[in-house]
Amino acid sequence: SGDDWGGTPHDIGGTITLSQASAILSITSPNGNEVWAVDSSQNITWNHSGASLDNVKLELSTDNGSNFIPIVSSTSNDGTYEWTVPGSASEECLVRISDPSDPTANDVSNAVFRIYEPVSWLTIDQNSGSLGQNSTDNLTLTFDTSGLSTGNYNANIEITSNDPDEPKIIVPVSLEVIPVTPSAPFNIQISVNDELKTLQWDAVTDAAIYKVYAADSPDGSFTQIGTSMTNSFDISSYNSSRKFFYVTADSELPADKTNIGKQNE
């Protein structure tokens, strides 16, 4: 039977263009809702199909895709990349993977993930676990004030779960570091070795610095003559008429540390 063009065979002119298929890339992690700490080691993973591809480009966005910065300009297309998370704390992070020579062949995390700045003074005894219905469990928090100056410190504990009504709970945590008052130094003695005279005393727990005072008499006016971070102080420049000393201990170093260990003029 015939068609709209007639009942006999006919030719139609045209051009057929063949193009190479693009690589198909798919991010599998981070792909949404991950919580990664700054400086932690994490694996970025992906799947690949379609055209062969030797290398891929990885990028990070911390503003929900408005801008991307390079993670690595080219890495082997082996499905995983070990990444040290940078110091870019944000709740709106995405990773993008692409063909270095064809940026249109790309994929982005399905949803945002979070990068957070961990605190050194707070640890929790467990980071994950399971609970049965209507069950409870206790978390142990450990506070460590080593190296912290006096003052207030704040952090949040974020608990995520599969609870459809409350998938994320934020628990604020506060820490106040108060000054420690060291005990008074004991057993103060003067050691003489030729021309060197050294004031010595027993070391005091929690003492960061010692202040040394001198006077011409035990009932006189004592003046601070210097500081020391150890339990000794050189008093060679003081003659016998100024031979009464006392020492105090302090738990905090002064803001200006240039004169520690020096005698006052």
C-alpha atoms as a PDB file:
ATOM      1  CA  SER A   1       0.000   0.000   0.000  1.00  0.00           C
ATOM      2  CA  GLY A   2       1.130   3.567  -0.527  1.00  0.00           C
ATOM      3  CA  ASP A   3       1.968   6.315   1.949  1.00  0.00           C
ATOM      4  CA  ASP A   4       1.732  10.090   1.964  1.00  0.00           C
ATOM      5  CA  TRP A   5       4.803  10.249  -0.248  1.00  0.00           C
ATOM      6  CA  GLY A   6       3.385   7.960  -2.920  1.00  0.00           C
ATOM      7  CA  GLY A   7       3.559   4.271  -3.535  1.00  0.00           C
ATOM      8  CA  THR A   8       7.111   4.062  -4.858  1.00  0.00           C
ATOM      9  CA  PRO A   9      10.435   4.101  -2.956  1.00  0.00           C
ATOM     10  CA  HIS A  10      12.022   7.538  -2.476  1.00  0.00           C
ATOM     11  CA  ASP A  11      15.111   9.143  -0.923  1.00  0.00           C
ATOM     12  CA  ILE A  12      15.208  11.749   1.896  1.00  0.00           C
ATOM     13  CA  GLY A  13      18.312  13.931   2.201  1.00  0.00           C
ATOM     14  CA  GLY A  14      19.943  14.693   5.608  1.00  0.00           C
ATOM     15  CA  THR A  15      23.034  14.399   7.825  1.00  0.00           C
ATOM     16  CA  ILE A  16      23.637  11.961  10.658  1.00  0.00           C
ATOM     17  CA  THR A  17      26.240  13.089  13.199  1.00  0.00           C
ATOM     18  CA  LEU A  18      27.864  10.526  15.505  1.00  0.00           C
ATOM     19  CA  SER A  19      29.234  11.813  18.850  1.00  0.00           C
ATOM     20  CA  GLN A  20      31.097  10.025  21.610  1.00  0.00           C
ATOM     21  CA  ALA A  21      28.999   9.209  24.676  1.00  0.00           C
ATOM     22  CA  SER A  22      29.882  11.092  27.858  1.00  0.00           C
ATOM     23  CA  ALA A  23      30.984   9.453  31.059  1.00  0.00           C
ATOM     24  CA  ILE A  24      28.242   9.081  33.667  1.00  0.00           C
ATOM     25  CA  LEU A  25      29.398   9.913  37.216  1.00  0.00           C
ATOM     26  CA  SER A  26      27.419   9.523  40.422  1.00  0.00           C
ATOM     27  CA  ILE A  27      28.512  10.642  43.902  1.00  0.00           C
ATOM     28  CA  THR A  28      27.745   8.033  46.576  1.00  0.00           C
ATOM     29  CA  SER A  29      29.426   9.729  49.570  1.00  0.00           C
ATOM     30  CA  PRO A  30      29.015  12.360  50.835  1.00  0.00           C
ATOM     31  CA  ASN A  31      25.523  12.296  49.425  1.00  0.00           C
ATOM     32  CA  GLY A  32      23.573  14.139  52.110  1.00  0.00           C
ATOM     33  CA  ASN A  33      23.299  14.407  55.908  1.00  0.00           C
ATOM     34  CA  GLU A  34      26.846  13.234  56.691  1.00  0.00           C
ATOM     35  CA  VAL A  35      28.558  14.989  59.606  1.00  0.00           C
ATOM     36  CA  TRP A  36      32.336  15.231  59.159  1.00  0.00           C
ATOM     37  CA  ALA A  37      34.858  16.882  61.460  1.00  0.00           C
ATOM     38  CA  VAL A  38      37.509  19.338  60.302  1.00  0.00           C
ATOM     39  CA  ASP A  39      40.879  17.558  59.848  1.00  0.00           C
ATOM     40  CA  SER A  40      39.244  14.110  59.881  1.00  0.00           C
ATOM     41  CA  SER A  41      40.039  11.598  57.122  1.00  0.00           C
ATOM     42  CA  GLN A  42      37.019  10.712  54.991  1.00  0.00           C
ATOM     43  CA  ASN A  43      36.450   8.821  51.734  1.00  0.00           C
ATOM     44  CA  ILE A  44      34.697  10.513  48.829  1.00  0.00           C
ATOM     45  CA  THR A  45      33.182   7.712  46.747  1.00  0.00           C
ATOM     46  CA  TRP A  46      31.421   7.546  43.385  1.00  0.00           C
ATOM     47  CA  ASN A  47      30.187   5.263  40.615  1.00  0.00           C
ATOM     48  CA  HIS A  48      31.120   5.520  36.959  1.00  0.00           C
ATOM     49  CA  SER A  49      29.501   4.188  33.798  1.00  0.00           C
ATOM     50  CA  GLY A  50      29.340   5.144  30.122  1.00  0.00           C
ATOM     51  CA  ALA A  51      32.425   6.321  28.280  1.00  0.00           C
ATOM     52  CA  SER A  52      35.794   5.351  29.696  1.00  0.00           C
ATOM     53  CA  LEU A  53      37.406   7.964  31.918  1.00  0.00           C
ATOM     54  CA  ASP A  54      40.893   7.857  33.455  1.00  0.00           C
ATOM     55  CA  ASN A  55      40.645  10.731  35.916  1.00  0.00           C
ATOM     56  CA  VAL A  56      38.035  12.841  37.678  1.00  0.00           C
ATOM     57  CA  LYS A  57      37.924  16.294  39.261  1.00  0.00           C
ATOM     58  CA  LEU A  58      36.512  16.845  42.767  1.00  0.00           C
ATOM     59  CA  GLU A  59      35.249  20.130  44.194  1.00  0.00           C
ATOM     60  CA  LEU A  60      33.699  21.354  47.455  1.00  0.00           C
ATOM     61  CA  SER A  61      30.940  23.883  48.042  1.00  0.00           C
ATOM     62  CA  THR A  62      30.233  25.291  51.512  1.00  0.00           C
ATOM     63  CA  ASP A  63      27.316  27.495  50.399  1.00  0.00           C
ATOM     64  CA  ASN A  64      24.875  24.932  48.970  1.00  0.00           C
ATOM     65  CA  GLY A  65      26.309  25.017  45.465  1.00  0.00           C
ATOM     66  CA  SER A  66      26.669  28.737  44.849  1.00  0.00           C
ATOM     67  CA  ASN A  67      30.444  28.422  44.669  1.00  0.00           C
ATOM     68  CA  PHE A  68      32.858  25.500  44.389  1.00  0.00           C
ATOM     69  CA  ILE A  69      36.540  25.288  45.324  1.00  0.00           C
ATOM     70  CA  PRO A  70      38.914  22.528  44.167  1.00  0.00           C
ATOM     71  CA  ILE A  71      39.499  19.460  46.292  1.00  0.00           C
ATOM     72  CA  VAL A  72      41.712  17.873  43.653  1.00  0.00           C
ATOM     73  CA  SER A  73      41.986  18.910  40.008  1.00  0.00           C
ATOM     74  CA  SER A  74      42.658  15.372  38.804  1.00  0.00           C
ATOM     75  CA  THR A  75      42.661  12.028  40.560  1.00  0.00           C
ATOM     76  CA  SER A  76      42.398   8.447  39.393  1.00  0.00           C
ATOM     77  CA  ASN A  77      38.876   7.358  38.494  1.00  0.00           C
ATOM     78  CA  ASP A  78      38.961   4.376  40.866  1.00  0.00           C
ATOM     79  CA  GLY A  79      35.757   5.169  42.769  1.00  0.00           C
ATOM     80  CA  THR A  80      37.293   6.540  45.965  1.00  0.00           C
ATOM     81  CA  TYR A  81      39.393   9.468  47.145  1.00  0.00           C
ATOM     82  CA  GLU A  82      40.786   9.789  50.679  1.00  0.00           C
ATOM     83  CA  TRP A  83      40.186  13.358  51.793  1.00  0.00           C
ATOM     84  CA  THR A  84      41.373  15.324  54.809  1.00  0.00           C
ATOM     85  CA  VAL A  85      38.417  17.574  55.562  1.00  0.00           C
ATOM     86  CA  PRO A  86      39.531  21.245  55.474  1.00  0.00           C
ATOM     87  CA  GLY A  87      38.788  23.923  58.032  1.00  0.00           C
ATOM     88  CA  SER A  88      35.652  25.196  56.321  1.00  0.00           C
ATOM     89  CA  ALA A  89      32.941  24.584  58.923  1.00  0.00           C
ATOM     90  CA  SER A  90      29.501  24.799  57.302  1.00  0.00           C
ATOM     91  CA  GLU A  91      26.092  23.134  57.344  1.00  0.00           C
ATOM     92  CA  GLU A  92      25.624  23.624  53.577  1.00  0.00           C
ATOM     93  CA  CYS A  93      28.371  21.480  52.029  1.00  0.00           C
ATOM     94  CA  LEU A  94      28.246  19.658  48.710  1.00  0.00           C
ATOM     95  CA  VAL A  95      30.811  17.704  46.692  1.00  0.00           C
ATOM     96  CA  ARG A  96      30.876  17.835  42.899  1.00  0.00           C
ATOM     97  CA  ILE A  97      32.606  15.303  40.653  1.00  0.00           C
ATOM     98  CA  SER A  98      33.264  15.926  36.965  1.00  0.00           C
ATOM     99  CA  ASP A  99      35.245  14.905  33.914  1.00  0.00           C
ATOM    100  CA  PRO A 100      38.307  17.230  33.895  1.00  0.00           C
ATOM    101  CA  SER A 101      38.001  17.660  30.118  1.00  0.00           C
ATOM    102  CA  ASP A 102      34.194  17.788  29.975  1.00  0.00           C
ATOM    103  CA  PRO A 103      32.645  19.696  32.913  1.00  0.00           C
ATOM    104  CA  THR A 104      29.128  18.900  31.665  1.00  0.00           C
ATOM    105  CA  ALA A 105      29.704  15.290  32.726  1.00  0.00           C
ATOM    106  CA  ASN A 106      29.264  15.824  36.453  1.00  0.00           C
ATOM    107  CA  ASP A 107      27.288  14.958  39.542  1.00  0.00           C
ATOM    108  CA  VAL A 108      26.701  16.747  42.867  1.00  0.00           C
ATOM    109  CA  SER A 109      25.777  15.380  46.292  1.00  0.00           C
ATOM    110  CA  ASN A 110      22.020  14.811  46.451  1.00  0.00           C
ATOM    111  CA  ALA A 111      21.710  16.862  49.656  1.00  0.00           C
ATOM    112  CA  VAL A 112      23.941  18.979  51.848  1.00  0.00           C
ATOM    113  CA  PHE A 113      26.239  17.514  54.480  1.00  0.00           C
ATOM    114  CA  ARG A 114      27.906  19.193  57.442  1.00  0.00           C
ATOM    115  CA  ILE A 115      31.524  20.013  58.262  1.00  0.00           C
ATOM    116  CA  TYR A 116      32.052  21.007  61.887  1.00  0.00           C
ATOM    117  CA  GLU A 117      34.945  22.245  64.012  1.00  0.00           C
ATOM    118  CA  PRO A 118      35.544  19.751  66.865  1.00  0.00           C
ATOM    119  CA  VAL A 119      36.402  21.003  70.346  1.00  0.00           C
ATOM    120  CA  SER A 120      39.464  19.686  72.130  1.00  0.00           C
ATOM    121  CA  TRP A 121      38.034  19.994  75.633  1.00  0.00           C
ATOM    122  CA  LEU A 122      34.979  17.745  75.218  1.00  0.00           C
ATOM    123  CA  THR A 123      34.730  14.053  74.359  1.00  0.00           C
ATOM    124  CA  ILE A 124      31.810  11.600  74.429  1.00  0.00           C
ATOM    125  CA  ASP A 125      32.214   7.916  75.252  1.00  0.00           C
ATOM    126  CA  GLN A 126      30.228   6.764  72.174  1.00  0.00           C
ATOM    127  CA  ASN A 127      29.452   8.302  68.800  1.00  0.00           C
ATOM    128  CA  SER A 128      26.758   5.896  67.597  1.00  0.00           C
ATOM    129  CA  GLY A 129      24.500   3.114  68.780  1.00  0.00           C
ATOM    130  CA  SER A 130      21.035   1.611  68.749  1.00  0.00           C
ATOM    131  CA  LEU A 131      18.186   1.816  71.247  1.00  0.00           C
ATOM    132  CA  GLY A 132      15.051  -0.228  71.496  1.00  0.00           C
ATOM    133  CA  GLN A 133      11.643   1.369  71.688  1.00  0.00           C
ATOM    134  CA  ASN A 134      10.966   3.167  74.989  1.00  0.00           C
ATOM    135  CA  SER A 135      14.574   2.559  76.090  1.00  0.00           C
ATOM    136  CA  THR A 136      17.141   4.946  77.529  1.00  0.00           C
ATOM    137  CA  ASP A 137      20.919   5.101  77.620  1.00  0.00           C
ATOM    138  CA  ASN A 138      23.492   7.327  79.288  1.00  0.00           C
ATOM    139  CA  LEU A 139      26.277   9.222  77.559  1.00  0.00           C
ATOM    140  CA  THR A 140      29.430  10.062  79.498  1.00  0.00           C
ATOM    141  CA  LEU A 141      30.964  13.460  78.770  1.00  0.00           C
ATOM    142  CA  THR A 142      34.617  14.112  79.610  1.00  0.00           C
ATOM    143  CA  PHE A 143      35.925  17.646  80.028  1.00  0.00           C
ATOM    144  CA  ASP A 144      39.642  18.389  79.678  1.00  0.00           C
ATOM    145  CA  THR A 145      40.887  21.880  80.539  1.00  0.00           C
ATOM    146  CA  SER A 146      44.511  21.200  79.615  1.00  0.00           C
ATOM    147  CA  GLY A 147      45.934  24.235  77.847  1.00  0.00           C
ATOM    148  CA  LEU A 148      42.755  26.300  78.262  1.00  0.00           C
ATOM    149  CA  SER A 149      42.831  29.828  79.624  1.00  0.00           C
ATOM    150  CA  THR A 150      40.291  30.892  82.214  1.00  0.00           C
ATOM    151  CA  GLY A 151      36.938  31.833  80.726  1.00  0.00           C
ATOM    152  CA  ASN A 152      33.779  30.360  79.238  1.00  0.00           C
ATOM    153  CA  TYR A 153      33.666  27.787  76.429  1.00  0.00           C
ATOM    154  CA  ASN A 154      30.583  26.636  74.516  1.00  0.00           C
ATOM    155  CA  ALA A 155      29.823  23.735  72.195  1.00  0.00           C
ATOM    156  CA  ASN A 156      26.864  21.742  70.878  1.00  0.00           C
ATOM    157  CA  ILE A 157      26.241  18.013  70.904  1.00  0.00           C
ATOM    158  CA  GLU A 158      24.203  17.071  67.849  1.00  0.00           C
ATOM    159  CA  ILE A 159      22.220  13.833  68.044  1.00  0.00           C
ATOM    160  CA  THR A 160      20.739  12.587  64.772  1.00  0.00           C
ATOM    161  CA  SER A 161      18.362   9.641  64.453  1.00  0.00           C
ATOM    162  CA  ASN A 162      15.671   8.102  62.266  1.00  0.00           C
ATOM    163  CA  ASP A 163      12.927   9.653  64.396  1.00  0.00           C
ATOM    164  CA  PRO A 164      10.597  11.228  61.795  1.00  0.00           C
ATOM    165  CA  ASP A 165       9.283  13.776  64.312  1.00  0.00           C
ATOM    166  CA  GLU A 166      12.633  14.870  65.728  1.00  0.00           C
ATOM    167  CA  PRO A 167      15.496  13.693  63.482  1.00  0.00           C
ATOM    168  CA  LYS A 168      18.025  16.067  65.040  1.00  0.00           C
ATOM    169  CA  ILE A 169      18.472  17.186  68.651  1.00  0.00           C
ATOM    170  CA  ILE A 170      20.925  19.906  69.674  1.00  0.00           C
ATOM    171  CA  VAL A 171      22.235  19.756  73.250  1.00  0.00           C
ATOM    172  CA  PRO A 172      24.217  22.862  74.293  1.00  0.00           C
ATOM    173  CA  VAL A 173      27.246  22.324  76.521  1.00  0.00           C
ATOM    174  CA  SER A 174      29.050  25.024  78.496  1.00  0.00           C
ATOM    175  CA  LEU A 175      32.350  24.924  80.359  1.00  0.00           C
ATOM    176  CA  GLU A 176      33.738  27.556  82.699  1.00  0.00           C
ATOM    177  CA  VAL A 177      37.449  27.400  83.411  1.00  0.00           C
ATOM    178  CA  ILE A 178      38.219  29.087  86.719  1.00  0.00           C
ATOM    179  CA  PRO A 179      41.633  30.095  88.015  1.00  0.00           C
ATOM    180  CA  VAL A 180      43.471  27.573  90.159  1.00  0.00           C
ATOM    181  CA  THR A 181      45.109  29.014  93.253  1.00  0.00           C
ATOM    182  CA  PRO A 182      48.378  27.135  93.811  1.00  0.00           C
ATOM    183  CA  SER A 183      49.654  26.591  97.306  1.00  0.00           C
ATOM    184  CA  ALA A 184      52.499  28.731  98.626  1.00  0.00           C
ATOM    185  CA  PRO A 185      56.046  27.589  97.826  1.00  0.00           C
ATOM    186  CA  PHE A 186      57.856  25.910 100.730  1.00  0.00           C
ATOM    187  CA  ASN A 187      61.433  25.167 101.689  1.00  0.00           C
ATOM    188  CA  ILE A 188      62.910  28.389 100.261  1.00  0.00           C
ATOM    189  CA  GLN A 189      66.719  28.239 100.404  1.00  0.00           C
ATOM    190  CA  ILE A 190      69.720  30.121  99.066  1.00  0.00           C
ATOM    191  CA  SER A 191      72.359  28.065  97.273  1.00  0.00           C
ATOM    192  CA  VAL A 192      75.858  29.588  96.924  1.00  0.00           C
ATOM    193  CA  ASN A 193      78.327  28.295  94.362  1.00  0.00           C
ATOM    194  CA  ASP A 194      81.361  30.582  94.003  1.00  0.00           C
ATOM    195  CA  GLU A 195      79.891  33.885  92.789  1.00  0.00           C
ATOM    196  CA  LEU A 196      76.535  32.352  91.856  1.00  0.00           C
ATOM    197  CA  LYS A 197      73.733  32.696  94.376  1.00  0.00           C
ATOM    198  CA  THR A 198      70.469  30.928  93.575  1.00  0.00           C
ATOM    199  CA  LEU A 199      67.146  31.100  95.390  1.00  0.00           C
ATOM    200  CA  GLN A 200      65.471  27.675  95.330  1.00  0.00           C
ATOM    201  CA  TRP A 201      62.183  26.246  96.591  1.00  0.00           C
ATOM    202  CA  ASP A 202      59.994  23.168  96.284  1.00  0.00           C
ATOM    203  CA  ALA A 203      57.996  23.022  93.043  1.00  0.00           C
ATOM    204  CA  VAL A 204      54.277  23.715  93.434  1.00  0.00           C
ATOM    205  CA  THR A 205      51.577  21.702  91.653  1.00  0.00           C
ATOM    206  CA  ASP A 206      49.538  23.804  89.164  1.00  0.00           C
ATOM    207  CA  ALA A 207      52.071  26.653  89.247  1.00  0.00           C
ATOM    208  CA  ALA A 208      52.751  28.173  85.827  1.00  0.00           C
ATOM    209  CA  ILE A 209      54.996  30.966  87.100  1.00  0.00           C
ATOM    210  CA  TYR A 210      56.641  32.117  90.312  1.00  0.00           C
ATOM    211  CA  LYS A 211      57.062  35.719  91.464  1.00  0.00           C
ATOM    212  CA  VAL A 212      60.090  36.583  93.567  1.00  0.00           C
ATOM    213  CA  TYR A 213      60.110  39.439  96.089  1.00  0.00           C
ATOM    214  CA  ALA A 214      62.915  40.921  98.208  1.00  0.00           C
ATOM    215  CA  ALA A 215      63.313  43.305 101.127  1.00  0.00           C
ATOM    216  CA  ASP A 216      66.113  44.583 103.370  1.00  0.00           C
ATOM    217  CA  SER A 217      64.402  43.298 106.514  1.00  0.00           C
ATOM    218  CA  PRO A 218      61.707  40.722 107.293  1.00  0.00           C
ATOM    219  CA  ASP A 219      59.349  43.515 108.321  1.00  0.00           C
ATOM    220  CA  GLY A 220      60.297  45.788 105.444  1.00  0.00           C
ATOM    221  CA  SER A 221      58.504  46.552 102.224  1.00  0.00           C
ATOM    222  CA  PHE A 222      58.924  43.662  99.784  1.00  0.00           C
ATOM    223  CA  THR A 223      59.351  44.518  96.117  1.00  0.00           C
ATOM    224  CA  GLN A 224      58.959  42.111  93.212  1.00  0.00           C
ATOM    225  CA  ILE A 225      62.394  41.548  91.679  1.00  0.00           C
ATOM    226  CA  GLY A 226      61.550  39.053  88.959  1.00  0.00           C
ATOM    227  CA  THR A 227      59.716  35.961  87.802  1.00  0.00           C
ATOM    228  CA  SER A 228      60.627  32.370  87.022  1.00  0.00           C
ATOM    229  CA  MET A 229      58.932  29.432  85.321  1.00  0.00           C
ATOM    230  CA  THR A 230      61.111  27.012  87.306  1.00  0.00           C
ATOM    231  CA  ASN A 231      61.594  26.583  91.048  1.00  0.00           C
ATOM    232  CA  SER A 232      64.801  28.641  91.150  1.00  0.00           C
ATOM    233  CA  PHE A 233      65.919  32.247  90.616  1.00  0.00           C
ATOM    234  CA  ASP A 234      69.349  33.855  90.267  1.00  0.00           C
ATOM    235  CA  ILE A 235      69.944  36.414  93.055  1.00  0.00           C
ATOM    236  CA  SER A 236      73.692  36.871  92.459  1.00  0.00           C
ATOM    237  CA  SER A 237      73.292  40.629  91.960  1.00  0.00           C
ATOM    238  CA  TYR A 238      71.833  41.188  95.432  1.00  0.00           C
ATOM    239  CA  ASN A 239      74.263  41.959  98.284  1.00  0.00           C
ATOM    240  CA  SER A 240      74.008  40.725 101.858  1.00  0.00           C
ATOM    241  CA  SER A 241      72.064  43.782 103.034  1.00  0.00           C
ATOM    242  CA  ARG A 242      69.100  42.664 100.901  1.00  0.00           C
ATOM    243  CA  LYS A 243      68.773  39.062 101.939  1.00  0.00           C
ATOM    244  CA  PHE A 244      65.112  38.556 102.760  1.00  0.00           C
ATOM    245  CA  PHE A 245      63.048  36.926 100.022  1.00  0.00           C
ATOM    246  CA  TYR A 246      59.663  35.389  99.524  1.00  0.00           C
ATOM    247  CA  VAL A 247      58.096  33.618  96.545  1.00  0.00           C
ATOM    248  CA  THR A 248      54.496  33.288  95.342  1.00  0.00           C
ATOM    249  CA  ALA A 249      53.045  30.881  92.775  1.00  0.00           C
ATOM    250  CA  ASP A 250      50.529  31.727  90.044  1.00  0.00           C
ATOM    251  CA  SER A 251      48.552  29.347  87.830  1.00  0.00           C
ATOM    252  CA  GLU A 252      48.525  31.625  84.767  1.00  0.00           C
ATOM    253  CA  LEU A 253      51.293  33.154  82.704  1.00  0.00           C
ATOM    254  CA  PRO A 254      51.148  36.919  82.084  1.00  0.00           C
ATOM    255  CA  ALA A 255      50.091  38.187  78.673  1.00  0.00           C
ATOM    256  CA  ASP A 256      53.554  39.714  78.200  1.00  0.00           C
ATOM    257  CA  LYS A 257      56.079  36.899  78.586  1.00  0.00           C
ATOM    258  CA  THR A 258      59.182  38.833  77.498  1.00  0.00           C
ATOM    259  CA  ASN A 259      60.484  39.421  81.031  1.00  0.00           C
ATOM    260  CA  ILE A 260      59.879  35.982  82.516  1.00  0.00           C
ATOM    261  CA  GLY A 261      63.016  34.732  84.216  1.00  0.00           C
ATOM    262  CA  LYS A 262      64.625  38.180  84.285  1.00  0.00           C
ATOM    263  CA  GLN A 263      65.404  40.361  87.271  1.00  0.00           C
ATOM    264  CA  ASN A 264      63.558  43.631  87.479  1.00  0.00           C
ATOM    265  CA  GLU A 265      65.678  46.716  86.951  1.00  0.00           C
END
